[in-house]
Amino acid sequence: SSSLVPDVSGLSAETRAALAAHWKDTALLEHASVAAFAR
């Protein structure tokens, strides 16, 4: 994790779960991009 911290105040549990899933998918694909460039 980098030092970025979003403001989660006022977000419902459902919204936070949707955002967590979105950025988790993004992170895994960006992580895999490192391998793509290595290849």
PDB file of all heavy atoms in Angstrom:
ATOM      1  N   SER A   1       0.825  -1.201   0.000  1.00  0.00           N
ATOM      2  CA  SER A   1       0.000   0.000   0.000  1.00  0.00           C
ATOM      3  C   SER A   1       0.862   1.256   0.000  1.00  0.00           C
ATOM      4  O   SER A   1       1.862   1.335   0.719  1.00  0.00           O
ATOM      5  CB  SER A   1      -0.912   0.034   1.229  1.00  0.00           C
ATOM      6  OG  SER A   1      -1.916  -0.958   1.136  1.00  0.00           O
ATOM      7  N   SER A   2       0.448   2.244  -0.803  1.00  0.00           N
ATOM      8  CA  SER A   2       1.091   3.549  -0.781  1.00  0.00           C
ATOM      9  C   SER A   2       0.515   4.365   0.370  1.00  0.00           C
ATOM     10  O   SER A   2      -0.243   3.848   1.197  1.00  0.00           O
ATOM     11  CB  SER A   2       0.874   4.269  -2.113  1.00  0.00           C
ATOM     12  OG  SER A   2      -0.483   4.672  -2.246  1.00  0.00           O
ATOM     13  N   SER A   3       0.848   5.652   0.403  1.00  0.00           N
ATOM     14  CA  SER A   3       0.384   6.510   1.498  1.00  0.00           C
ATOM     15  C   SER A   3      -0.977   7.150   1.240  1.00  0.00           C
ATOM     16  O   SER A   3      -1.464   7.927   2.057  1.00  0.00           O
ATOM     17  CB  SER A   3       1.418   7.616   1.757  1.00  0.00           C
ATOM     18  OG  SER A   3       1.598   8.408   0.592  1.00  0.00           O
ATOM     19  N   LEU A   4      -1.617   6.828   0.112  1.00  0.00           N
ATOM     20  CA  LEU A   4      -2.908   7.440  -0.206  1.00  0.00           C
ATOM     21  C   LEU A   4      -3.991   6.976   0.769  1.00  0.00           C
ATOM     22  O   LEU A   4      -4.105   5.790   1.063  1.00  0.00           O
ATOM     23  CB  LEU A   4      -3.337   7.075  -1.638  1.00  0.00           C
ATOM     24  CG  LEU A   4      -2.531   7.682  -2.793  1.00  0.00           C
ATOM     25  CD1 LEU A   4      -3.128   7.252  -4.125  1.00  0.00           C
ATOM     26  CD2 LEU A   4      -2.509   9.204  -2.685  1.00  0.00           C
ATOM     27  N   VAL A   5      -4.791   7.932   1.239  1.00  0.00           N
ATOM     28  CA  VAL A   5      -5.897   7.619   2.164  1.00  0.00           C
ATOM     29  C   VAL A   5      -7.126   8.403   1.710  1.00  0.00           C
ATOM     30  O   VAL A   5      -7.178   9.628   1.857  1.00  0.00           O
ATOM     31  CB  VAL A   5      -5.553   7.987   3.611  1.00  0.00           C
ATOM     32  CG1 VAL A   5      -6.724   7.635   4.532  1.00  0.00           C
ATOM     33  CG2 VAL A   5      -4.286   7.284   4.069  1.00  0.00           C
ATOM     34  N   PRO A   6      -8.151   7.739   1.182  1.00  0.00           N
ATOM     35  CA  PRO A   6      -9.374   8.438   0.766  1.00  0.00           C
ATOM     36  C   PRO A   6     -10.237   8.770   1.977  1.00  0.00           C
ATOM     37  O   PRO A   6     -10.089   8.183   3.055  1.00  0.00           O
ATOM     38  CB  PRO A   6     -10.061   7.414  -0.134  1.00  0.00           C
ATOM     39  CG  PRO A   6      -9.644   6.098   0.452  1.00  0.00           C
ATOM     40  CD  PRO A   6      -8.223   6.290   0.920  1.00  0.00           C
ATOM     41  N   ASP A   7     -11.161   9.689   1.796  1.00  0.00           N
ATOM     42  CA  ASP A   7     -12.106  10.054   2.845  1.00  0.00           C
ATOM     43  C   ASP A   7     -13.306   9.110   2.778  1.00  0.00           C
ATOM     44  O   ASP A   7     -14.071   9.130   1.818  1.00  0.00           O
ATOM     45  CB  ASP A   7     -12.557  11.505   2.651  1.00  0.00           C
ATOM     46  CG  ASP A   7     -13.519  11.970   3.742  1.00  0.00           C
ATOM     47  OD1 ASP A   7     -13.720  11.210   4.710  1.00  0.00           O
ATOM     48  OD2 ASP A   7     -14.065  13.083   3.601  1.00  0.00           O
ATOM     49  N   VAL A   8     -13.450   8.266   3.783  1.00  0.00           N
ATOM     50  CA  VAL A   8     -14.542   7.283   3.785  1.00  0.00           C
ATOM     51  C   VAL A   8     -15.676   7.701   4.708  1.00  0.00           C
ATOM     52  O   VAL A   8     -16.660   6.970   4.847  1.00  0.00           O
ATOM     53  CB  VAL A   8     -14.023   5.891   4.193  1.00  0.00           C
ATOM     54  CG1 VAL A   8     -12.947   5.417   3.230  1.00  0.00           C
ATOM     55  CG2 VAL A   8     -13.480   5.908   5.626  1.00  0.00           C
ATOM     56  N   SER A   9     -15.567   8.863   5.326  1.00  0.00           N
ATOM     57  CA  SER A   9     -16.626   9.318   6.234  1.00  0.00           C
ATOM     58  C   SER A   9     -17.912   9.577   5.445  1.00  0.00           C
ATOM     59  O   SER A   9     -17.892  10.124   4.354  1.00  0.00           O
ATOM     60  CB  SER A   9     -16.199  10.604   6.946  1.00  0.00           C
ATOM     61  OG  SER A   9     -15.959  11.637   6.019  1.00  0.00           O
ATOM     62  N   GLY A  10     -19.010   9.141   5.999  1.00  0.00           N
ATOM     63  CA  GLY A  10     -20.299   9.352   5.349  1.00  0.00           C
ATOM     64  C   GLY A  10     -20.660   8.295   4.324  1.00  0.00           C
ATOM     65  O   GLY A  10     -21.759   8.341   3.752  1.00  0.00           O
ATOM     66  N   LEU A  11     -19.778   7.354   4.062  1.00  0.00           N
ATOM     67  CA  LEU A  11     -20.072   6.295   3.094  1.00  0.00           C
ATOM     68  C   LEU A  11     -20.747   5.128   3.803  1.00  0.00           C
ATOM     69  O   LEU A  11     -20.304   4.693   4.862  1.00  0.00           O
ATOM     70  CB  LEU A  11     -18.793   5.805   2.416  1.00  0.00           C
ATOM     71  CG  LEU A  11     -18.013   6.821   1.577  1.00  0.00           C
ATOM     72  CD1 LEU A  11     -16.745   6.172   1.015  1.00  0.00           C
ATOM     73  CD2 LEU A  11     -18.875   7.361   0.449  1.00  0.00           C
ATOM     74  N   SER A  12     -21.789   4.604   3.183  1.00  0.00           N
ATOM     75  CA  SER A  12     -22.476   3.446   3.756  1.00  0.00           C
ATOM     76  C   SER A  12     -21.607   2.209   3.606  1.00  0.00           C
ATOM     77  O   SER A  12     -20.656   2.178   2.808  1.00  0.00           O
ATOM     78  CB  SER A  12     -23.808   3.219   3.049  1.00  0.00           C
ATOM     79  OG  SER A  12     -23.603   2.818   1.698  1.00  0.00           O
ATOM     80  N   ALA A  13     -21.963   1.168   4.368  1.00  0.00           N
ATOM     81  CA  ALA A  13     -21.218  -0.090   4.293  1.00  0.00           C
ATOM     82  C   ALA A  13     -21.303  -0.680   2.891  1.00  0.00           C
ATOM     83  O   ALA A  13     -20.330  -1.231   2.377  1.00  0.00           O
ATOM     84  CB  ALA A  13     -21.762  -1.083   5.324  1.00  0.00           C
ATOM     85  N   GLU A  14     -22.475  -0.543   2.263  1.00  0.00           N
ATOM     86  CA  GLU A  14     -22.659  -1.068   0.909  1.00  0.00           C
ATOM     87  C   GLU A  14     -21.776  -0.333  -0.098  1.00  0.00           C
ATOM     88  O   GLU A  14     -21.146  -0.954  -0.956  1.00  0.00           O
ATOM     89  CB  GLU A  14     -24.123  -0.946   0.502  1.00  0.00           C
ATOM     90  CG  GLU A  14     -24.426  -1.498  -0.883  1.00  0.00           C
ATOM     91  CD  GLU A  14     -25.886  -1.336  -1.265  1.00  0.00           C
ATOM     92  OE1 GLU A  14     -26.623  -0.645  -0.534  1.00  0.00           O
ATOM     93  OE2 GLU A  14     -26.294  -1.898  -2.301  1.00  0.00           O
ATOM     94  N   THR A  15     -21.710   0.984   0.020  1.00  0.00           N
ATOM     95  CA  THR A  15     -20.886   1.769  -0.897  1.00  0.00           C
ATOM     96  C   THR A  15     -19.409   1.459  -0.691  1.00  0.00           C
ATOM     97  O   THR A  15     -18.655   1.303  -1.652  1.00  0.00           O
ATOM     98  CB  THR A  15     -21.138   3.273  -0.692  1.00  0.00           C
ATOM     99  OG1 THR A  15     -22.509   3.556  -0.974  1.00  0.00           O
ATOM    100  CG2 THR A  15     -20.252   4.100  -1.600  1.00  0.00           C
ATOM    101  N   ARG A  16     -19.005   1.363   0.554  1.00  0.00           N
ATOM    102  CA  ARG A  16     -17.597   1.045   0.836  1.00  0.00           C
ATOM    103  C   ARG A  16     -17.227  -0.331   0.288  1.00  0.00           C
ATOM    104  O   ARG A  16     -16.127  -0.526  -0.227  1.00  0.00           O
ATOM    105  CB  ARG A  16     -17.331   1.114   2.343  1.00  0.00           C
ATOM    106  CG  ARG A  16     -17.308   2.525   2.894  1.00  0.00           C
ATOM    107  CD  ARG A  16     -16.953   2.555   4.368  1.00  0.00           C
ATOM    108  NE  ARG A  16     -15.619   2.003   4.628  1.00  0.00           N
ATOM    109  CZ  ARG A  16     -15.034   2.004   5.820  1.00  0.00           C
ATOM    110  NH1 ARG A  16     -15.668   2.530   6.871  1.00  0.00           N
ATOM    111  NH2 ARG A  16     -13.837   1.489   5.982  1.00  0.00           N
ATOM    112  N   ALA A  17     -18.140  -1.279   0.390  1.00  0.00           N
ATOM    113  CA  ALA A  17     -17.869  -2.622  -0.128  1.00  0.00           C
ATOM    114  C   ALA A  17     -17.707  -2.587  -1.641  1.00  0.00           C
ATOM    115  O   ALA A  17     -16.818  -3.250  -2.201  1.00  0.00           O
ATOM    116  CB  ALA A  17     -18.994  -3.576   0.265  1.00  0.00           C
ATOM    117  N   ALA A  18     -18.569  -1.804  -2.325  1.00  0.00           N
ATOM    118  CA  ALA A  18     -18.468  -1.694  -3.783  1.00  0.00           C
ATOM    119  C   ALA A  18     -17.160  -1.035  -4.182  1.00  0.00           C
ATOM    120  O   ALA A  18     -16.493  -1.456  -5.143  1.00  0.00           O
ATOM    121  CB  ALA A  18     -19.657  -0.900  -4.324  1.00  0.00           C
ATOM    122  N   LEU A  19     -16.751   0.011  -3.464  1.00  0.00           N
ATOM    123  CA  LEU A  19     -15.500   0.702  -3.778  1.00  0.00           C
ATOM    124  C   LEU A  19     -14.295  -0.182  -3.468  1.00  0.00           C
ATOM    125  O   LEU A  19     -13.308  -0.189  -4.212  1.00  0.00           O
ATOM    126  CB  LEU A  19     -15.419   2.001  -2.975  1.00  0.00           C
ATOM    127  CG  LEU A  19     -16.416   3.089  -3.378  1.00  0.00           C
ATOM    128  CD1 LEU A  19     -16.411   4.230  -2.373  1.00  0.00           C
ATOM    129  CD2 LEU A  19     -16.099   3.602  -4.782  1.00  0.00           C
ATOM    130  N   ALA A  20     -14.371  -0.936  -2.380  1.00  0.00           N
ATOM    131  CA  ALA A  20     -13.274  -1.846  -2.033  1.00  0.00           C
ATOM    132  C   ALA A  20     -13.091  -2.901  -3.119  1.00  0.00           C
ATOM    133  O   ALA A  20     -11.958  -3.207  -3.524  1.00  0.00           O
ATOM    134  CB  ALA A  20     -13.543  -2.509  -0.686  1.00  0.00           C
ATOM    135  N   ALA A  21     -14.207  -3.446  -3.614  1.00  0.00           N
ATOM    136  CA  ALA A  21     -14.121  -4.465  -4.665  1.00  0.00           C
ATOM    137  C   ALA A  21     -13.540  -3.872  -5.944  1.00  0.00           C
ATOM    138  O   ALA A  21     -12.711  -4.506  -6.618  1.00  0.00           O
ATOM    139  CB  ALA A  21     -15.513  -5.041  -4.934  1.00  0.00           C
ATOM    140  N   HIS A  22     -13.975  -2.666  -6.286  1.00  0.00           N
ATOM    141  CA  HIS A  22     -13.480  -2.003  -7.491  1.00  0.00           C
ATOM    142  C   HIS A  22     -11.972  -1.794  -7.431  1.00  0.00           C
ATOM    143  O   HIS A  22     -11.228  -2.159  -8.353  1.00  0.00           O
ATOM    144  CB  HIS A  22     -14.188  -0.661  -7.650  1.00  0.00           C
ATOM    145  CG  HIS A  22     -13.568   0.241  -8.676  1.00  0.00           C
ATOM    146  ND1 HIS A  22     -13.942   0.234  -9.995  1.00  0.00           N
ATOM    147  CD2 HIS A  22     -12.569   1.173  -8.579  1.00  0.00           C
ATOM    148  CE1 HIS A  22     -13.216   1.118 -10.663  1.00  0.00           C
ATOM    149  NE2 HIS A  22     -12.386   1.692  -9.822  1.00  0.00           N
ATOM    150  N   TRP A  23     -11.491  -1.204  -6.344  1.00  0.00           N
ATOM    151  CA  TRP A  23     -10.070  -0.889  -6.256  1.00  0.00           C
ATOM    152  C   TRP A  23      -9.221  -2.129  -6.005  1.00  0.00           C
ATOM    153  O   TRP A  23      -8.039  -2.156  -6.358  1.00  0.00           O
ATOM    154  CB  TRP A  23      -9.854   0.176  -5.185  1.00  0.00           C
ATOM    155  CG  TRP A  23     -10.272   1.530  -5.679  1.00  0.00           C
ATOM    156  CD1 TRP A  23     -11.393   2.235  -5.352  1.00  0.00           C
ATOM    157  CD2 TRP A  23      -9.590   2.313  -6.672  1.00  0.00           C
ATOM    158  NE1 TRP A  23     -11.455   3.407  -6.065  1.00  0.00           N
ATOM    159  CE2 TRP A  23     -10.360   3.490  -6.882  1.00  0.00           C
ATOM    160  CE3 TRP A  23      -8.411   2.143  -7.400  1.00  0.00           C
ATOM    161  CZ2 TRP A  23      -9.975   4.480  -7.781  1.00  0.00           C
ATOM    162  CZ3 TRP A  23      -8.023   3.126  -8.297  1.00  0.00           C
ATOM    163  CH2 TRP A  23      -8.796   4.281  -8.483  1.00  0.00           C
ATOM    164  N   LYS A  24      -9.821  -3.165  -5.424  1.00  0.00           N
ATOM    165  CA  LYS A  24      -9.091  -4.422  -5.274  1.00  0.00           C
ATOM    166  C   LYS A  24      -8.858  -5.066  -6.638  1.00  0.00           C
ATOM    167  O   LYS A  24      -7.755  -5.538  -6.942  1.00  0.00           O
ATOM    168  CB  LYS A  24      -9.876  -5.377  -4.361  1.00  0.00           C
ATOM    169  CG  LYS A  24      -9.107  -6.624  -3.949  1.00  0.00           C
ATOM    170  CD  LYS A  24      -9.969  -7.552  -3.106  1.00  0.00           C
ATOM    171  CE  LYS A  24     -10.483  -6.865  -1.868  1.00  0.00           C
ATOM    172  NZ  LYS A  24     -11.299  -7.783  -1.039  1.00  0.00           N
ATOM    173  N   ASP A  25      -9.900  -5.082  -7.488  1.00  0.00           N
ATOM    174  CA  ASP A  25      -9.748  -5.595  -8.850  1.00  0.00           C
ATOM    175  C   ASP A  25      -8.699  -4.783  -9.614  1.00  0.00           C
ATOM    176  O   ASP A  25      -7.863  -5.332 -10.331  1.00  0.00           O
ATOM    177  CB  ASP A  25     -11.084  -5.522  -9.600  1.00  0.00           C
ATOM    178  CG  ASP A  25     -12.059  -6.609  -9.174  1.00  0.00           C
ATOM    179  OD1 ASP A  25     -11.614  -7.578  -8.531  1.00  0.00           O
ATOM    180  OD2 ASP A  25     -13.260  -6.483  -9.471  1.00  0.00           O
ATOM    181  N   THR A  26      -8.778  -3.467  -9.460  1.00  0.00           N
ATOM    182  CA  THR A  26      -7.823  -2.596 -10.125  1.00  0.00           C
ATOM    183  C   THR A  26      -6.401  -2.924  -9.679  1.00  0.00           C
ATOM    184  O   THR A  26      -5.482  -3.047 -10.492  1.00  0.00           O
ATOM    185  CB  THR A  26      -8.127  -1.115  -9.803  1.00  0.00           C
ATOM    186  OG1 THR A  26      -9.433  -0.798 -10.255  1.00  0.00           O
ATOM    187  CG2 THR A  26      -7.126  -0.189 -10.478  1.00  0.00           C
ATOM    188  N   ALA A  27      -6.223  -3.061  -8.369  1.00  0.00           N
ATOM    189  CA  ALA A  27      -4.891  -3.323  -7.816  1.00  0.00           C
ATOM    190  C   ALA A  27      -4.311  -4.631  -8.329  1.00  0.00           C
ATOM    191  O   ALA A  27      -3.130  -4.704  -8.686  1.00  0.00           O
ATOM    192  CB  ALA A  27      -4.977  -3.343  -6.287  1.00  0.00           C
ATOM    193  N   LEU A  28      -5.139  -5.681  -8.387  1.00  0.00           N
ATOM    194  CA  LEU A  28      -4.645  -6.976  -8.850  1.00  0.00           C
ATOM    195  C   LEU A  28      -4.228  -6.917 -10.319  1.00  0.00           C
ATOM    196  O   LEU A  28      -3.228  -7.526 -10.719  1.00  0.00           O
ATOM    197  CB  LEU A  28      -5.716  -8.044  -8.645  1.00  0.00           C
ATOM    198  CG  LEU A  28      -5.995  -8.430  -7.196  1.00  0.00           C
ATOM    199  CD1 LEU A  28      -7.173  -9.395  -7.118  1.00  0.00           C
ATOM    200  CD2 LEU A  28      -4.756  -9.053  -6.548  1.00  0.00           C
ATOM    201  N   LEU A  29      -4.980  -6.182 -11.126  1.00  0.00           N
ATOM    202  CA  LEU A  29      -4.634  -6.067 -12.534  1.00  0.00           C
ATOM    203  C   LEU A  29      -3.396  -5.202 -12.736  1.00  0.00           C
ATOM    204  O   LEU A  29      -2.553  -5.490 -13.602  1.00  0.00           O
ATOM    205  CB  LEU A  29      -5.819  -5.509 -13.315  1.00  0.00           C
ATOM    206  CG  LEU A  29      -6.960  -6.518 -13.496  1.00  0.00           C
ATOM    207  CD1 LEU A  29      -8.268  -5.813 -13.814  1.00  0.00           C
ATOM    208  CD2 LEU A  29      -6.622  -7.516 -14.592  1.00  0.00           C
ATOM    209  N   GLU A  30      -3.251  -4.146 -11.940  1.00  0.00           N
ATOM    210  CA  GLU A  30      -2.044  -3.323 -12.016  1.00  0.00           C
ATOM    211  C   GLU A  30      -0.824  -4.127 -11.556  1.00  0.00           C
ATOM    212  O   GLU A  30       0.261  -4.011 -12.122  1.00  0.00           O
ATOM    213  CB  GLU A  30      -2.208  -2.065 -11.161  1.00  0.00           C
ATOM    214  CG  GLU A  30      -3.306  -1.113 -11.613  1.00  0.00           C
ATOM    215  CD  GLU A  30      -2.934  -0.317 -12.851  1.00  0.00           C
ATOM    216  OE1 GLU A  30      -1.953  -0.658 -13.521  1.00  0.00           O
ATOM    217  OE2 GLU A  30      -3.647   0.663 -13.152  1.00  0.00           O
ATOM    218  N   HIS A  31      -1.005  -4.922 -10.529  1.00  0.00           N
ATOM    219  CA  HIS A  31       0.062  -5.801 -10.037  1.00  0.00           C
ATOM    220  C   HIS A  31       0.496  -6.773 -11.125  1.00  0.00           C
ATOM    221  O   HIS A  31       1.689  -6.987 -11.370  1.00  0.00           O
ATOM    222  CB  HIS A  31      -0.458  -6.554  -8.798  1.00  0.00           C
ATOM    223  CG  HIS A  31       0.409  -7.669  -8.318  1.00  0.00           C
ATOM    224  ND1 HIS A  31       0.155  -8.996  -8.634  1.00  0.00           N
ATOM    225  CD2 HIS A  31       1.535  -7.672  -7.557  1.00  0.00           C
ATOM    226  CE1 HIS A  31       1.065  -9.756  -8.061  1.00  0.00           C
ATOM    227  NE2 HIS A  31       1.911  -8.997  -7.410  1.00  0.00           N
ATOM    228  N   ALA A  32      -0.478  -7.343 -11.841  1.00  0.00           N
ATOM    229  CA  ALA A  32      -0.168  -8.265 -12.928  1.00  0.00           C
ATOM    230  C   ALA A  32       0.486  -7.547 -14.101  1.00  0.00           C
ATOM    231  O   ALA A  32       1.235  -8.168 -14.878  1.00  0.00           O
ATOM    232  CB  ALA A  32      -1.440  -8.982 -13.383  1.00  0.00           C
ATOM    233  N   SER A  33       0.236  -6.258 -14.240  1.00  0.00           N
ATOM    234  CA  SER A  33       0.849  -5.494 -15.325  1.00  0.00           C
ATOM    235  C   SER A  33       2.368  -5.453 -15.191  1.00  0.00           C
ATOM    236  O   SER A  33       3.084  -5.351 -16.190  1.00  0.00           O
ATOM    237  CB  SER A  33       0.305  -4.062 -15.341  1.00  0.00           C
ATOM    238  OG  SER A  33      -1.054  -4.029 -15.705  1.00  0.00           O
ATOM    239  N   VAL A  34       2.859  -5.525 -13.969  1.00  0.00           N
ATOM    240  CA  VAL A  34       4.306  -5.562 -13.765  1.00  0.00           C
ATOM    241  C   VAL A  34       4.882  -6.803 -14.453  1.00  0.00           C
ATOM    242  O   VAL A  34       5.923  -6.743 -15.128  1.00  0.00           O
ATOM    243  CB  VAL A  34       4.646  -5.565 -12.263  1.00  0.00           C
ATOM    244  CG1 VAL A  34       6.159  -5.641 -12.054  1.00  0.00           C
ATOM    245  CG2 VAL A  34       4.079  -4.330 -11.577  1.00  0.00           C
ATOM    246  N   ALA A  35       4.187  -7.930 -14.308  1.00  0.00           N
ATOM    247  CA  ALA A  35       4.628  -9.162 -14.958  1.00  0.00           C
ATOM    248  C   ALA A  35       4.536  -9.046 -16.477  1.00  0.00           C
ATOM    249  O   ALA A  35       5.392  -9.552 -17.208  1.00  0.00           O
ATOM    250  CB  ALA A  35       3.789 -10.340 -14.468  1.00  0.00           C
ATOM    251  N   ALA A  36       3.483  -8.394 -16.953  1.00  0.00           N
ATOM    252  CA  ALA A  36       3.317  -8.224 -18.402  1.00  0.00           C
ATOM    253  C   ALA A  36       4.483  -7.435 -18.988  1.00  0.00           C
ATOM    254  O   ALA A  36       4.991  -7.760 -20.065  1.00  0.00           O
ATOM    255  CB  ALA A  36       1.989  -7.528 -18.698  1.00  0.00           C
ATOM    256  N   PHE A  37       4.922  -6.401 -18.290  1.00  0.00           N
ATOM    257  CA  PHE A  37       6.049  -5.616 -18.789  1.00  0.00           C
ATOM    258  C   PHE A  37       7.367  -6.372 -18.640  1.00  0.00           C
ATOM    259  O   PHE A  37       8.277  -6.199 -19.455  1.00  0.00           O
ATOM    260  CB  PHE A  37       6.115  -4.260 -18.077  1.00  0.00           C
ATOM    261  CG  PHE A  37       5.279  -3.212 -18.743  1.00  0.00           C
ATOM    262  CD1 PHE A  37       4.150  -2.701 -18.131  1.00  0.00           C
ATOM    263  CD2 PHE A  37       5.614  -2.731 -19.998  1.00  0.00           C
ATOM    264  CE1 PHE A  37       3.372  -1.736 -18.752  1.00  0.00           C
ATOM    265  CE2 PHE A  37       4.844  -1.772 -20.635  1.00  0.00           C
ATOM    266  CZ  PHE A  37       3.722  -1.272 -20.013  1.00  0.00           C
ATOM    267  N   ALA A  38       7.484  -7.204 -17.609  1.00  0.00           N
ATOM    268  CA  ALA A  38       8.684  -8.019 -17.472  1.00  0.00           C
ATOM    269  C   ALA A  38       8.800  -8.984 -18.655  1.00  0.00           C
ATOM    270  O   ALA A  38       9.886  -9.180 -19.221  1.00  0.00           O
ATOM    271  CB  ALA A  38       8.640  -8.796 -16.152  1.00  0.00           C
ATOM    272  N   ARG A  39       7.679  -9.574 -19.037  1.00  0.00           N
ATOM    273  CA  ARG A  39       7.676 -10.460 -20.213  1.00  0.00           C
ATOM    274  C   ARG A  39       7.973  -9.676 -21.489  1.00  0.00           C
ATOM    275  O   ARG A  39       8.692 -10.156 -22.375  1.00  0.00           O
ATOM    276  CB  ARG A  39       6.316 -11.160 -20.326  1.00  0.00           C
ATOM    277  CG  ARG A  39       6.212 -12.093 -21.532  1.00  0.00           C
ATOM    278  CD  ARG A  39       4.897 -12.830 -21.546  1.00  0.00           C
ATOM    279  NE  ARG A  39       3.760 -11.920 -21.601  1.00  0.00           N
ATOM    280  CZ  ARG A  39       2.488 -12.325 -21.461  1.00  0.00           C
ATOM    281  NH1 ARG A  39       2.216 -13.596 -21.241  1.00  0.00           N
ATOM    282  NH2 ARG A  39       1.507 -11.457 -21.543  1.00  0.00           N
TER     283      ARG A  39
END
